[in-house]
Protein backbone atom coordinates (compact mmCIF):
# COMPACT_ATOMS: atom_id res chain seq x y z
CA MET A 1 5.90 2.32 11.66
CA PRO A 2 7.11 0.64 14.94
CA ALA A 3 4.09 -1.50 15.20
CA ARG A 4 4.47 -2.66 11.74
CA LEU A 5 7.96 -3.62 12.07
CA HIS A 6 7.22 -5.56 15.42
CA LEU A 7 4.56 -7.56 13.33
CA ARG A 8 7.08 -8.28 10.47
CA ALA A 9 9.70 -8.97 12.75
CA GLY A 10 7.66 -11.71 14.39
CA ALA A 11 6.83 -13.33 11.14
CA TRP A 12 10.38 -13.00 9.87
CA LEU A 13 12.05 -14.85 12.88
CA ALA A 14 9.32 -17.32 12.98
CA ALA A 15 10.38 -18.34 9.55
CA ALA A 16 13.96 -17.58 9.51
CA GLY A 17 15.22 -21.24 10.67
CA LEU A 18 13.17 -22.88 8.11
CA MET A 19 15.04 -21.67 4.78
CA LEU A 20 18.01 -20.11 3.33
CA LEU A 21 17.66 -16.51 2.55
CA ALA A 22 20.42 -16.04 0.33
CA ALA A 23 18.27 -15.35 -2.84
CA CYS A 24 18.64 -11.30 -2.16
CA ALA A 25 22.55 -11.30 -2.60
CA ALA A 26 22.64 -11.43 -6.59
CA PRO A 27 21.96 -8.38 -8.35
CA PRO A 28 18.84 -8.09 -10.78
CA SER A 29 19.11 -9.06 -14.67
CA GLN A 30 18.42 -5.99 -15.64
CA PRO A 31 -6.72 18.11 -4.76
CA PRO A 32 -8.15 19.91 -1.66
CA ALA A 33 -9.05 17.24 0.94
CA THR A 34 -12.51 16.63 1.94
CA ALA A 35 -13.20 16.87 5.45
CA GLN A 36 -15.73 13.79 6.46
CA PRO A 37 -19.16 14.88 7.82
CA ALA A 38 -19.98 14.68 11.35
CA ALA A 39 -22.86 12.15 11.49
CA ALA A 40 -25.01 10.57 13.79
CA VAL A 41 -25.23 6.98 12.76
CA PRO A 42 -28.42 5.07 13.14
CA THR A 43 -28.44 1.92 14.83
CA ALA A 44 -29.36 -1.11 12.03
CA SER A 45 -30.13 -4.51 12.06
CA PRO A 46 -27.73 -7.43 11.25
CA ALA A 47 -30.42 -8.34 8.56
CA ALA A 48 -30.16 -4.88 6.91
CA ALA A 49 -26.43 -4.42 7.32
CA THR A 50 -25.89 -7.38 5.11
CA ALA A 51 -28.38 -7.09 2.60
CA ALA A 52 -26.93 -6.39 -1.07
CA ALA A 53 -28.53 -7.38 -4.44
CA PRO A 54 -11.68 -1.13 -0.85
CA GLY A 55 -1.64 2.24 4.34
CA TYR A 56 -0.37 4.29 5.27
CA PRO A 57 1.27 2.97 8.59
CA GLU A 58 1.31 5.00 11.94
CA PRO A 59 4.24 7.36 12.35
CA ALA A 60 6.75 6.66 15.37
CA THR A 61 5.79 9.98 17.44
CA PRO A 62 2.93 11.85 15.62
CA THR A 63 -0.52 10.23 15.65
CA ARG A 64 -3.15 9.95 13.18
CA PRO A 65 -5.18 13.62 12.70
CA ALA A 66 -8.26 13.34 14.92
CA SER A 67 -11.33 12.17 13.69
CA THR A 68 -13.89 15.00 12.31
CA ALA A 69 -16.68 12.60 12.61
CA THR A 70 -18.34 11.11 15.18
CA ALA A 71 -20.75 8.19 15.71
CA THR A 72 -23.09 6.62 18.38
CA ILE A 73 -23.79 2.82 18.16
CA ALA A 74 -25.69 0.88 20.30
CA PRO A 75 -23.67 -2.34 21.48
CA ALA A 76 -25.44 -5.64 20.24
CA ALA A 77 -26.95 -7.82 22.79
CA THR A 78 -24.74 -10.68 22.28
CA GLY A 79 -21.82 -9.94 21.16
CA THR A 80 -8.54 -3.76 11.08
CA PRO A 81 17.67 7.09 -13.41
CA ALA A 82 17.94 9.99 -14.12
CA SER A 83 18.86 12.43 -11.87
CA VAL A 84 17.14 15.09 -10.08
CA VAL A 85 19.17 18.23 -10.54
CA TYR A 86 18.91 20.64 -7.34
CA LEU A 87 20.56 24.00 -7.14
CA PRO A 88 23.02 24.51 -4.67
CA ILE A 89 22.86 27.57 -2.17
CA ILE A 90 25.12 30.33 -3.67
CA GLY A 91 26.26 33.31 -1.84
CA GLN A 92 29.30 35.09 -1.36
CA SER A 93 30.42 37.82 1.50
CA GLU A 94 31.13 41.23 1.05
CA PRO A 95 30.00 41.26 -2.57
CA THR A 96 31.48 44.04 -4.64
CA GLU A 97 29.09 43.74 -7.54
CA ALA A 98 25.76 42.44 -8.41
CA PRO A 99 25.78 38.67 -8.52
CA ALA A 100 25.50 36.65 -11.48
CA ALA A 101 21.71 35.27 -12.27
CA VAL A 102 21.21 31.84 -11.14
CA PRO A 103 20.48 29.71 -13.84
CA SER A 104 17.08 27.28 -14.26
CA PRO A 105 17.75 23.73 -13.27
CA THR A 106 17.71 21.48 -16.26
CA PRO A 107 14.63 19.94 -17.07
CA PRO A 108 14.63 16.33 -16.01
CA PRO A 109 14.98 13.90 -18.62
CA TRP A 110 11.30 12.59 -18.72
CA PRO A 111 10.23 10.05 -21.27
CA GLU A 112 7.66 10.83 -23.91
CA PRO A 113 4.15 10.38 -22.83
CA LEU A 114 2.87 6.99 -23.87
CA ASP A 115 -0.08 6.74 -26.28
CA GLY A 116 -1.85 4.01 -23.93
CA GLN A 117 -1.11 2.73 -20.28
CA THR A 118 2.14 0.98 -19.23
CA ALA A 119 2.33 -2.50 -18.61
CA SER A 120 4.27 -2.25 -15.60
CA LYS A 121 1.88 -2.57 -12.56
CA LEU A 122 4.01 -0.23 -10.03
CA GLY A 123 1.92 2.95 -9.02
CA LEU A 124 1.87 5.45 -6.46
CA HIS A 125 1.03 5.83 -2.97
CA THR A 126 0.35 9.41 -2.09
CA LEU A 127 -0.23 11.71 0.76
CA ASN A 128 -1.20 15.26 -0.71
CA THR A 129 -0.40 17.03 -3.91
CA ASN A 130 2.71 19.18 -3.10
CA ASP A 131 4.95 17.43 -5.42
CA PRO A 132 4.44 18.29 -9.26
CA TYR A 133 6.60 15.54 -10.27
CA VAL A 134 3.58 13.10 -9.09
CA MET A 135 1.01 14.71 -11.78
CA GLU A 136 3.61 14.50 -14.34
CA PHE A 137 4.51 10.87 -13.66
CA ILE A 138 0.99 10.17 -14.20
CA ARG A 139 0.47 12.08 -17.35
CA ARG A 140 3.39 10.49 -18.91
CA VAL A 141 2.80 6.53 -18.05
CA LYS A 142 -0.54 6.21 -17.17
CA PRO A 143 0.06 3.91 -14.25
CA ARG A 144 -2.18 0.94 -13.46
CA VAL A 145 -3.06 2.13 -9.94
CA VAL A 146 -2.90 5.49 -7.62
CA LYS A 147 -3.91 5.63 -4.22
CA SER A 148 -4.35 8.96 -2.14
CA VAL A 149 -4.77 9.23 1.67
CA GLY A 150 -6.74 11.80 3.49
CA ASP A 151 -6.59 13.93 0.51
CA VAL A 152 -8.70 12.35 -2.21
CA GLY A 153 -9.94 15.32 -4.27
CA TRP A 154 -7.07 15.64 -6.54
CA LEU A 155 -7.89 12.10 -7.91
CA ARG A 156 -10.25 13.83 -9.97
CA GLN A 157 -7.15 15.32 -11.92
CA VAL A 158 -5.56 11.55 -12.21
CA LYS A 159 -8.89 10.31 -13.87
CA GLU A 160 -8.58 13.57 -16.30
CA ALA A 161 -5.07 12.48 -17.32
CA SER A 162 -5.40 8.91 -17.27
CA PRO A 163 -9.14 7.66 -17.25
CA GLN A 164 -7.89 3.81 -16.99
CA THR A 165 -5.84 4.38 -13.62
CA VAL A 166 -7.72 2.74 -10.76
CA THR A 167 -7.96 5.28 -8.19
CA VAL A 168 -8.12 4.42 -4.51
CA GLY A 169 -8.80 6.23 -1.53
CA ARG A 170 -8.51 5.86 2.27
CA LEU A 171 -10.13 8.24 4.85
CA MET A 172 -8.44 8.76 7.99
CA PRO A 173 -10.87 8.32 10.81
CA GLU A 174 -11.37 4.86 12.53
CA GLN A 175 -13.51 3.61 15.18
CA SER A 176 -11.80 1.13 17.23
CA GLU A 177 -14.20 1.01 19.95
CA TRP A 178 -16.65 -0.86 17.74
CA ILE A 179 -14.35 -3.83 17.64
CA LEU A 180 -16.12 -6.87 19.60
CA SER A 181 -18.55 -4.53 21.20
CA VAL A 182 -20.93 -3.59 18.25
CA ASP A 183 -22.58 -6.24 16.15
CA PRO A 184 -19.95 -6.35 13.14
CA ALA A 185 -22.88 -6.24 10.33
CA VAL A 186 -24.44 -3.19 12.08
CA ALA A 187 -20.83 -1.43 12.52
CA GLY A 188 -20.19 -2.08 8.63
CA ALA A 189 -23.21 -0.52 7.55
CA ALA A 190 -22.76 2.36 10.07
CA TYR A 191 -19.26 3.01 8.64
CA VAL A 192 -20.55 3.52 5.35
CA ASP A 193 -23.26 5.68 6.40
CA LEU A 194 -20.78 7.83 8.43
CA ASN A 195 -18.44 8.44 5.02
CA ALA A 196 -21.26 8.38 2.56
CA GLU A 197 -21.09 11.96 1.79
CA VAL A 198 -17.31 11.91 0.98
CA TYR A 199 -18.00 8.62 -1.32
CA ALA A 200 -20.82 10.34 -3.28
CA SER A 201 -19.13 13.69 -3.90
CA HIS A 202 -15.92 11.90 -5.27
CA PRO A 203 -17.15 9.72 -7.80
CA PHE A 204 -13.89 9.25 -9.44
CA VAL A 205 -12.65 7.23 -6.73
CA ASP A 206 -12.78 3.65 -8.04
CA TYR A 207 -12.43 1.74 -4.73
CA TRP A 208 -12.61 2.99 -0.82
CA GLU A 209 -10.42 1.29 1.88
CA GLY A 210 -11.85 1.01 5.27
CA TRP A 211 -9.42 0.68 8.28
CA ASN A 212 -5.79 0.63 8.23
CA GLU A 213 -3.70 -2.18 9.22
CA PHE A 214 -6.11 -4.10 11.31
CA VAL A 215 -4.17 -6.29 13.81
CA PRO A 216 -6.11 -9.33 14.14
CA GLU A 217 -4.51 -11.05 17.25
CA THR A 218 -7.21 -13.77 17.97
CA ALA A 219 -9.52 -15.51 15.86
CA GLU A 220 -12.34 -13.73 17.73
CA ARG A 221 -11.02 -10.57 16.35
CA MET A 222 -10.32 -11.49 12.98
CA ARG A 223 -13.66 -13.14 12.53
CA TRP A 224 -15.34 -9.51 13.79
CA PHE A 225 -13.40 -7.93 11.36
CA ALA A 226 -14.33 -10.39 8.66
CA HIS A 227 -18.08 -9.76 9.09
CA PHE A 228 -17.61 -6.01 9.53
CA GLU A 229 -15.59 -5.84 6.09
CA ALA A 230 -18.24 -8.14 4.31
CA ALA A 231 -21.05 -5.88 5.35
CA ARG A 232 -19.08 -2.72 4.46
CA ALA A 233 -18.44 -4.47 0.78
CA CYS A 234 -22.09 -5.13 0.27
CA GLN A 235 -23.47 -2.10 1.69
CA MET A 236 -21.09 0.11 -0.44
CA GLN A 237 -22.18 -1.84 -3.64
CA ALA A 238 -25.71 -1.52 -2.95
CA ARG A 239 -25.20 2.37 -2.94
CA GLY A 240 -23.38 2.47 -5.99
CA TRP A 241 -19.74 2.22 -4.67
CA ARG A 242 -16.76 -0.01 -4.10
CA ALA A 243 -15.11 -1.38 -1.56
CA ALA A 244 -11.33 -2.61 -1.15
CA VAL A 245 -11.29 -5.07 1.91
CA GLY A 246 -8.04 -6.24 4.15
CA GLY A 247 -5.69 -3.76 4.52
CA PHE A 248 -3.25 -6.02 6.41
CA SER A 249 0.15 -4.99 7.42
CA THR A 250 3.27 -6.85 5.89
CA GLY A 251 3.94 -10.06 7.39
CA VAL A 252 0.61 -10.79 8.70
CA PRO A 253 -1.71 -12.35 9.42
CA GLU A 254 -0.83 -15.71 10.05
CA TYR A 255 -2.12 -18.55 7.92
CA ALA A 256 -4.60 -19.74 10.39
CA LEU A 257 -6.07 -16.34 11.04
CA MET A 258 -6.31 -15.43 7.13
CA ALA A 259 -8.79 -18.36 6.91
CA GLU A 260 -11.06 -16.83 9.08
CA PHE A 261 -11.13 -13.79 6.85
CA LEU A 262 -12.54 -15.76 4.30
CA PRO A 263 -16.10 -14.38 4.60
CA ALA A 264 -15.06 -10.96 3.83
CA LEU A 265 -13.44 -12.06 0.60
CA GLU A 266 -16.22 -14.11 -0.60
CA ALA A 267 -18.39 -10.81 0.37
CA ALA A 268 -15.92 -8.78 -1.80
CA GLN A 269 -15.88 -11.15 -4.77
CA ARG A 270 -19.97 -11.16 -4.42
CA CYS A 271 -20.43 -7.46 -4.25
CA GLY A 272 -17.86 -5.73 -6.63
CA GLY A 273 -14.82 -5.26 -4.62
CA ILE A 274 -11.35 -6.21 -4.35
CA PHE A 275 -8.70 -7.36 -1.92
CA HIS A 276 -5.86 -5.34 -0.68
CA LEU A 277 -2.65 -5.39 1.67
CA HIS A 278 0.87 -4.13 2.31
CA GLU A 279 4.02 -5.67 1.44
CA TYR A 280 7.58 -4.41 2.55
CA ASP A 281 10.80 -6.06 2.63
CA SER A 282 14.51 -5.37 2.73
CA PRO A 283 17.34 -5.00 1.35
CA THR A 284 15.78 -6.19 -1.86
CA PHE A 285 12.13 -8.16 -2.42
CA GLU A 286 14.03 -11.47 -3.43
CA CYS A 287 14.95 -11.77 0.26
CA GLY A 288 13.34 -14.42 1.84
CA VAL A 289 11.60 -15.49 -1.36
CA ALA A 290 11.45 -19.62 -2.32
CA ALA A 291 8.76 -22.17 -3.48
CA ASN A 292 8.00 -25.43 -2.39
CA VAL A 293 9.05 -24.82 1.24
CA PRO A 294 6.43 -25.92 3.78
CA GLY A 295 6.25 -23.79 6.69
CA LEU A 296 7.83 -20.62 5.20
CA ILE A 297 5.03 -19.08 7.25
CA PRO A 298 3.90 -20.63 10.05
CA GLY A 299 0.94 -23.29 9.22
CA ALA A 300 1.31 -22.71 5.54
CA PRO A 301 1.58 -25.77 3.14
CA ALA A 302 4.28 -25.71 0.30
CA ILE A 303 3.23 -24.03 -2.67
CA GLY A 304 4.66 -24.35 -6.08
CA VAL A 305 5.33 -20.58 -6.93
CA SER A 306 7.62 -18.29 -5.11
CA ALA A 307 6.63 -16.93 -2.12
CA GLY A 308 8.00 -15.36 0.94
CA PRO A 309 7.30 -14.30 4.54
CA LEU A 310 7.27 -10.65 3.58
CA ALA A 311 7.22 -10.04 -0.35
CA LEU A 312 4.81 -12.05 -2.34
CA ARG A 313 3.29 -13.26 0.76
CA TYR A 314 -0.17 -13.00 -0.94
CA ARG A 315 0.70 -16.12 -2.91
CA PHE A 316 -0.05 -18.20 0.00
CA TRP A 317 -3.52 -16.61 0.42
CA TYR A 318 -4.39 -17.29 -3.61
CA GLU A 319 -2.62 -20.71 -4.12
CA ALA A 320 -3.58 -22.51 -0.88
CA LEU A 321 -7.12 -20.58 0.16
CA LEU A 322 -8.73 -18.37 -2.23
CA LYS A 323 -8.37 -20.64 -5.70
CA PRO A 324 -9.56 -23.86 -3.91
CA ARG A 325 -12.66 -22.14 -3.09
CA GLY A 326 -13.27 -20.47 -6.21
CA LEU A 327 -11.93 -17.00 -5.33
CA GLY A 328 -8.97 -17.04 -7.27
CA SER A 329 -10.02 -14.28 -9.77
CA LEU A 330 -10.76 -11.50 -6.68
CA PRO A 331 -8.83 -8.66 -7.76
CA LEU A 332 -5.97 -7.88 -5.61
CA LEU A 333 -4.21 -4.54 -4.64
CA ILE A 334 -0.74 -4.16 -3.08
CA SER A 335 -2.01 -0.98 -1.71
CA GLU A 336 1.42 -0.07 0.14
CA LEU A 337 4.83 -1.50 -1.38
CA GLY A 338 8.20 -0.59 -0.17
CA ILE A 339 11.60 -1.12 1.04
CA ASP A 340 11.85 -0.72 4.88
CA GLY A 341 14.35 -2.46 7.54
CA VAL A 342 12.50 -5.25 8.75
CA ALA A 343 15.28 -7.18 11.20
CA PRO A 344 14.95 -5.99 14.92
CA GLY A 345 18.14 -3.93 15.47
CA GLY A 346 18.95 -4.11 11.66
CA GLY A 347 20.68 -6.79 9.94
CA GLN A 348 19.85 -9.80 12.15
CA GLY A 349 16.95 -10.91 9.80
CA GLY A 350 19.38 -12.53 6.83
CA CYS A 351 19.92 -11.53 3.52
CA ASP A 352 23.04 -9.03 4.62
CA ASP A 353 20.31 -6.65 5.57
CA PRO A 354 22.31 -3.42 7.12
CA GLY A 355 18.55 -2.37 8.61
CA GLY A 356 17.35 1.18 8.00
CA THR A 357 14.28 3.28 7.73
CA GLY A 358 13.09 3.80 4.18
CA TRP A 359 14.44 3.23 0.76
CA LYS A 360 16.85 6.03 1.42
CA ALA A 361 18.65 4.20 3.84
CA TYR A 362 19.89 1.41 1.47
CA GLY A 363 21.54 3.36 -1.52
CA GLU A 364 25.27 2.13 -0.19
CA TRP A 365 24.18 -1.42 0.19
CA TRP A 366 22.63 -1.50 -3.19
CA ALA A 367 25.84 0.12 -4.58
CA SER A 368 28.10 -2.45 -2.94
CA HIS A 369 26.19 -5.36 -4.15
CA GLY A 370 25.86 -4.17 -8.00
CA TYR A 371 22.30 -2.82 -8.15
CA GLY A 372 23.24 0.58 -9.23
CA SER A 373 25.59 3.39 -7.80
CA ASP A 374 22.80 6.01 -7.92
CA ALA A 375 20.22 5.22 -5.28
CA PRO A 376 17.21 6.10 -7.01
CA GLN A 377 18.15 4.30 -9.94
CA ALA A 378 19.09 1.26 -7.79
CA TYR A 379 15.49 1.55 -6.11
CA VAL A 380 13.94 1.35 -9.53
CA ASN A 381 15.96 -1.85 -10.33
CA VAL A 382 14.75 -3.44 -7.22
CA LEU A 383 11.36 -2.63 -7.64
CA SER A 384 11.61 -3.88 -11.32
CA TRP A 385 12.02 -7.71 -9.87
CA TYR A 386 8.90 -7.38 -8.04
CA ASP A 387 7.25 -6.00 -10.85
CA ARG A 388 8.00 -9.10 -13.16
CA GLU A 389 6.60 -11.37 -10.46
CA LEU A 390 3.29 -9.41 -10.27
CA ARG A 391 3.01 -9.20 -13.93
CA SER A 392 3.03 -12.99 -13.79
CA ASP A 393 -0.38 -13.15 -11.52
CA ALA A 394 -3.31 -11.73 -13.28
CA TYR A 395 -5.33 -11.03 -10.49
CA VAL A 396 -2.93 -8.22 -9.18
CA LEU A 397 -4.16 -5.00 -10.36
CA GLY A 398 -1.14 -3.29 -9.13
CA ALA A 399 1.17 -1.96 -6.53
CA ALA A 400 0.81 1.42 -4.73
CA ILE A 401 4.65 2.20 -3.89
CA PHE A 402 5.05 3.98 -0.48
CA THR A 403 5.42 7.27 -1.03
CA ALA A 404 5.01 10.37 -2.83
CA ASN A 405 4.69 13.91 -1.50
CA ALA A 406 6.51 13.48 1.85
CA LEU A 407 8.90 16.30 0.85
CA ASP A 408 8.72 18.46 3.97
CA ASP A 409 11.97 18.15 6.17
CA GLY A 410 10.01 17.38 9.48
CA ASP A 411 7.67 14.95 7.55
CA VAL A 412 7.79 11.29 9.26
CA TRP A 413 7.90 9.73 5.83
CA ARG A 414 10.50 11.59 4.35
CA ASP A 415 12.73 8.68 4.09
CA PHE A 416 10.29 6.94 1.83
CA ASP A 417 9.80 9.97 -0.45
CA LEU A 418 9.53 9.16 -4.11
CA HIS A 419 10.45 12.55 -5.70
CA PRO A 420 14.12 11.31 -6.63
CA VAL A 421 12.56 8.34 -8.00
CA LEU A 422 9.70 9.63 -10.13
CA VAL A 423 11.87 10.37 -13.30
CA PRO A 424 13.65 7.14 -13.39
CA LEU A 425 10.61 5.07 -12.63
CA ALA A 426 8.67 6.80 -15.23
CA ILE A 427 11.35 6.00 -17.64
CA TYR A 428 11.13 2.43 -16.76
CA ALA A 429 7.31 2.27 -16.78
CA ALA A 430 7.18 3.85 -20.33
CA GLY A 431 9.35 1.02 -21.48
CA GLN A 432 7.13 -1.79 -20.14
CA ARG A 433 4.48 -2.36 -23.11
């Protein structure tokens, strides 16, 4: 998380002096995990690697689980609202009689199950299967997309309950030591080989992501990553699987670096893949969004549709880079979506942002600005604005809201956990036809 905030803050501050950020002040108008196998990866030739006929962010203190897979690659010669009812603690000192039975919680007022699929493009990002509300949400509204990180086996249940839902999986291990030290085409093919057993045993996963939130930093690193992702996408298609390429953090990359990634997007379109990235904003998704503003992100031209340095940033890529190159129909997934403080120190970035970690930090701000006195319902109202924008872009498959199943008290993502939001979100989604 700190790494993501650092990257976003840089993009935000670069754009802050170029536009008025007042748009956000107005209220809206309305199952078991499969461990990856250990594998020795053979060195492939670049020609073989390219032959052919896609996050969650790092925690503050904890680190990613260690990889269970190993690989060795020879370096190349030359060359990332309804309320949820909780029971109070009931007790009494020195009881003189048996305590009364504690009544069961009132069942949440879920909407009636839809016959078909919701028209909303809001879906779920999940970490595991410890919240029964998640599958209830899926059965009721049949969301457009569900993503799972690490624990991907339960996506079988998603497909059984909602065959039309696009399922996306991400495995944890990443091999950063390959960057700039191994030919990217060889590395892309090796990555597919390393995970092939998991891919083959989970045919109910529609798309597989690669590395999470790769940090380009330089044109050289971005070119390497583009060719790595291109090789991965086409190697996966050749073996009957599909890749989601990209996975960039919110607020990055900058415009010039994104142009270096085009070979991966061309390969994704050619080889049956999709493009995916993350978008976070605060205190609402409208913050910073404008149309016809040159330099809204450094180096970007003015575009005739609403876009922002953080939310709807993807439109710069499609309007200015992809569509002119015939890539405008490449499917896009917002593979992480959420509200999260973006200004360093909290509140200095504009839009009266009070700062905070996760959507739960914004309940009071939303209440004071008319979004709703109940924080979960207010969050749904905030999300509904973004949903309306997504639905105007036919190439967007959906957005996976970060995150469900972070229920444990010690979980670093608990401030993002969607349990209190799932019922009002289901009511909203069920109403979108």
